[in-house]
Amino acid sequence: MSYEQGTAIATARKNVQITSSDGKVNLDSVTVSRDGGDEVTWVSDGTRKALIVFASPDGSPFQETHFHVPAGGSISSGPARSDAAYKAYKYTVIGETGVNDPVVMVDQ
């Protein structure tokens, strides 16, 4: 839970499992609340490492555009930027043997 001007704001972590070495994930689309401060946490399944890249013309809804997921570990996006548009952001999961293109939806 985070605090903003003395008011508690519930935040949620949306876990996305990387399930194969070719970048497949368990959720092809995940929705985060920009105003609620939700985050995406990418989690490696076992020995798989991956690179998450927001490289579309729309960029990333988060502060960073690249996230390195270590084998057997995880990385969180942090909350969506306050100026992120309420829409879908395509990103690429680059696995050791292939790529996949899921989506992060930003909502109020």
C-alpha atoms as a PDB file:
ATOM      1  CA  MET A   1       0.000   0.000   0.000  1.00  0.00           C
ATOM      2  CA  SER A   2       1.299   3.441  -0.843  1.00  0.00           C
ATOM      3  CA  TYR A   3       0.338   6.822   0.556  1.00  0.00           C
ATOM      4  CA  GLU A   4      -0.515   9.989  -1.324  1.00  0.00           C
ATOM      5  CA  GLN A   5      -1.255  13.192   0.572  1.00  0.00           C
ATOM      6  CA  GLY A   6      -2.045  11.231   3.740  1.00  0.00           C
ATOM      7  CA  THR A   7      -4.505   8.880   2.036  1.00  0.00           C
ATOM      8  CA  ALA A   8      -3.799   5.170   1.684  1.00  0.00           C
ATOM      9  CA  ILE A   9      -3.959   3.933  -1.908  1.00  0.00           C
ATOM     10  CA  ALA A  10      -4.172   0.186  -2.502  1.00  0.00           C
ATOM     11  CA  THR A  11      -1.784  -0.953  -5.216  1.00  0.00           C
ATOM     12  CA  ALA A  12      -1.759  -4.312  -6.900  1.00  0.00           C
ATOM     13  CA  ARG A  13       0.995  -6.352  -8.470  1.00  0.00           C
ATOM     14  CA  LYS A  14      -0.117  -8.182 -11.573  1.00  0.00           C
ATOM     15  CA  ASN A  15       2.072 -11.259 -11.947  1.00  0.00           C
ATOM     16  CA  VAL A  16       2.910 -12.417 -15.474  1.00  0.00           C
ATOM     17  CA  GLN A  17       4.670 -15.815 -15.611  1.00  0.00           C
ATOM     18  CA  ILE A  18       7.240 -16.432 -18.342  1.00  0.00           C
ATOM     19  CA  THR A  19       6.379 -20.037 -19.121  1.00  0.00           C
ATOM     20  CA  SER A  20       8.782 -21.036 -21.895  1.00  0.00           C
ATOM     21  CA  SER A  21      12.153 -20.160 -23.366  1.00  0.00           C
ATOM     22  CA  ASP A  22      10.486 -18.700 -26.483  1.00  0.00           C
ATOM     23  CA  GLY A  23       8.951 -15.821 -24.521  1.00  0.00           C
ATOM     24  CA  LYS A  24       5.492 -17.271 -23.935  1.00  0.00           C
ATOM     25  CA  VAL A  25       3.610 -15.905 -20.919  1.00  0.00           C
ATOM     26  CA  ASN A  26       0.549 -17.036 -18.987  1.00  0.00           C
ATOM     27  CA  LEU A  27      -1.302 -13.754 -19.678  1.00  0.00           C
ATOM     28  CA  ASP A  28      -1.381 -12.317 -23.189  1.00  0.00           C
ATOM     29  CA  SER A  29      -3.033  -9.203 -21.775  1.00  0.00           C
ATOM     30  CA  VAL A  30      -2.813  -7.656 -18.310  1.00  0.00           C
ATOM     31  CA  THR A  31      -4.621  -4.525 -17.111  1.00  0.00           C
ATOM     32  CA  VAL A  32      -3.116  -2.061 -14.656  1.00  0.00           C
ATOM     33  CA  SER A  33      -4.754   0.896 -12.970  1.00  0.00           C
ATOM     34  CA  ARG A  34      -2.736   4.033 -13.649  1.00  0.00           C
ATOM     35  CA  ASP A  35      -4.500   6.015 -10.957  1.00  0.00           C
ATOM     36  CA  GLY A  36      -4.289   3.077  -8.519  1.00  0.00           C
ATOM     37  CA  GLY A  37      -0.537   2.659  -8.962  1.00  0.00           C
ATOM     38  CA  ASP A  38      -0.691  -0.974 -10.124  1.00  0.00           C
ATOM     39  CA  GLU A  39       2.501  -2.695 -11.304  1.00  0.00           C
ATOM     40  CA  VAL A  40       3.345  -5.661 -13.507  1.00  0.00           C
ATOM     41  CA  THR A  41       5.762  -8.222 -12.098  1.00  0.00           C
ATOM     42  CA  TRP A  42       7.293 -10.567 -14.673  1.00  0.00           C
ATOM     43  CA  VAL A  43       8.292 -13.873 -13.072  1.00  0.00           C
ATOM     44  CA  SER A  44      10.679 -16.420 -14.580  1.00  0.00           C
ATOM     45  CA  ASP A  45       9.499 -20.012 -14.505  1.00  0.00           C
ATOM     46  CA  GLY A  46      12.560 -22.023 -13.447  1.00  0.00           C
ATOM     47  CA  THR A  47      15.766 -21.477 -15.396  1.00  0.00           C
ATOM     48  CA  ARG A  48      14.328 -19.165 -18.053  1.00  0.00           C
ATOM     49  CA  LYS A  49      15.602 -15.611 -18.331  1.00  0.00           C
ATOM     50  CA  ALA A  50      14.019 -12.994 -20.551  1.00  0.00           C
ATOM     51  CA  LEU A  51      14.117  -9.389 -21.643  1.00  0.00           C
ATOM     52  CA  ILE A  52      10.915  -7.316 -21.630  1.00  0.00           C
ATOM     53  CA  VAL A  53      10.986  -4.501 -24.209  1.00  0.00           C
ATOM     54  CA  PHE A  54       8.484  -1.714 -24.846  1.00  0.00           C
ATOM     55  CA  ALA A  55       9.732  -0.505 -28.242  1.00  0.00           C
ATOM     56  CA  SER A  56       6.576   0.409 -30.112  1.00  0.00           C
ATOM     57  CA  PRO A  57       6.035   3.993 -31.263  1.00  0.00           C
ATOM     58  CA  ASP A  58       3.850   4.426 -28.170  1.00  0.00           C
ATOM     59  CA  GLY A  59       6.748   3.576 -25.852  1.00  0.00           C
ATOM     60  CA  SER A  60       6.252   2.265 -22.351  1.00  0.00           C
ATOM     61  CA  PRO A  61       3.516   3.081 -19.858  1.00  0.00           C
ATOM     62  CA  PHE A  62       6.215   2.743 -17.164  1.00  0.00           C
ATOM     63  CA  GLN A  63       9.335   4.804 -16.399  1.00  0.00           C
ATOM     64  CA  GLU A  64      11.592   2.179 -18.023  1.00  0.00           C
ATOM     65  CA  THR A  65      11.360   0.627 -21.489  1.00  0.00           C
ATOM     66  CA  HIS A  66      13.491  -2.483 -20.778  1.00  0.00           C
ATOM     67  CA  PHE A  67      13.209  -4.995 -17.930  1.00  0.00           C
ATOM     68  CA  HIS A  68      15.692  -7.874 -17.431  1.00  0.00           C
ATOM     69  CA  VAL A  69      14.054 -10.913 -15.832  1.00  0.00           C
ATOM     70  CA  PRO A  70      16.723 -13.164 -14.276  1.00  0.00           C
ATOM     71  CA  ALA A  71      16.429 -16.945 -14.458  1.00  0.00           C
ATOM     72  CA  GLY A  72      14.330 -18.093 -11.504  1.00  0.00           C
ATOM     73  CA  GLY A  73      13.672 -14.459 -10.482  1.00  0.00           C
ATOM     74  CA  SER A  74      11.357 -11.561 -11.146  1.00  0.00           C
ATOM     75  CA  ILE A  75      11.288  -7.846 -11.927  1.00  0.00           C
ATOM     76  CA  SER A  76       8.554  -5.293 -11.323  1.00  0.00           C
ATOM     77  CA  SER A  77       7.631  -2.441 -13.636  1.00  0.00           C
ATOM     78  CA  GLY A  78       6.866   0.106 -10.966  1.00  0.00           C
ATOM     79  CA  PRO A  79       3.610   2.047 -11.290  1.00  0.00           C
ATOM     80  CA  ALA A  80       2.408   3.356 -14.635  1.00  0.00           C
ATOM     81  CA  ARG A  81       3.572   6.878 -15.463  1.00  0.00           C
ATOM     82  CA  SER A  82       1.085   9.583 -14.496  1.00  0.00           C
ATOM     83  CA  ASP A  83       0.979  10.689 -18.150  1.00  0.00           C
ATOM     84  CA  ALA A  84       0.454   7.174 -19.583  1.00  0.00           C
ATOM     85  CA  ALA A  85      -2.559   7.101 -21.894  1.00  0.00           C
ATOM     86  CA  TYR A  86      -5.501   4.839 -21.074  1.00  0.00           C
ATOM     87  CA  LYS A  87      -4.896   2.277 -23.825  1.00  0.00           C
ATOM     88  CA  ALA A  88      -3.035  -0.885 -24.835  1.00  0.00           C
ATOM     89  CA  TYR A  89       0.775  -0.962 -24.947  1.00  0.00           C
ATOM     90  CA  LYS A  90       2.297  -3.834 -26.908  1.00  0.00           C
ATOM     91  CA  TYR A  91       5.599  -5.188 -25.596  1.00  0.00           C
ATOM     92  CA  THR A  92       7.974  -7.988 -26.541  1.00  0.00           C
ATOM     93  CA  VAL A  93       9.200 -10.812 -24.344  1.00  0.00           C
ATOM     94  CA  ILE A  94      12.567 -11.930 -25.709  1.00  0.00           C
ATOM     95  CA  GLY A  95      13.327 -15.433 -24.489  1.00  0.00           C
ATOM     96  CA  GLU A  96      16.393 -17.558 -25.094  1.00  0.00           C
ATOM     97  CA  THR A  97      14.812 -19.292 -28.118  1.00  0.00           C
ATOM     98  CA  GLY A  98      12.139 -16.903 -29.394  1.00  0.00           C
ATOM     99  CA  VAL A  99       9.876 -13.912 -28.860  1.00  0.00           C
ATOM    100  CA  ASN A 100       6.267 -13.203 -27.917  1.00  0.00           C
ATOM    101  CA  ASP A 101       4.219  -9.975 -28.116  1.00  0.00           C
ATOM    102  CA  PRO A 102       1.694  -9.596 -25.251  1.00  0.00           C
ATOM    103  CA  VAL A 103      -0.082  -6.390 -24.169  1.00  0.00           C
ATOM    104  CA  VAL A 104      -0.353  -4.175 -21.073  1.00  0.00           C
ATOM    105  CA  MET A 105      -3.683  -2.342 -20.856  1.00  0.00           C
ATOM    106  CA  VAL A 106      -3.662   0.922 -18.881  1.00  0.00           C
ATOM    107  CA  ASP A 107      -6.968   1.833 -17.282  1.00  0.00           C
ATOM    108  CA  GLN A 108      -8.103   4.340 -14.690  1.00  0.00           C
END
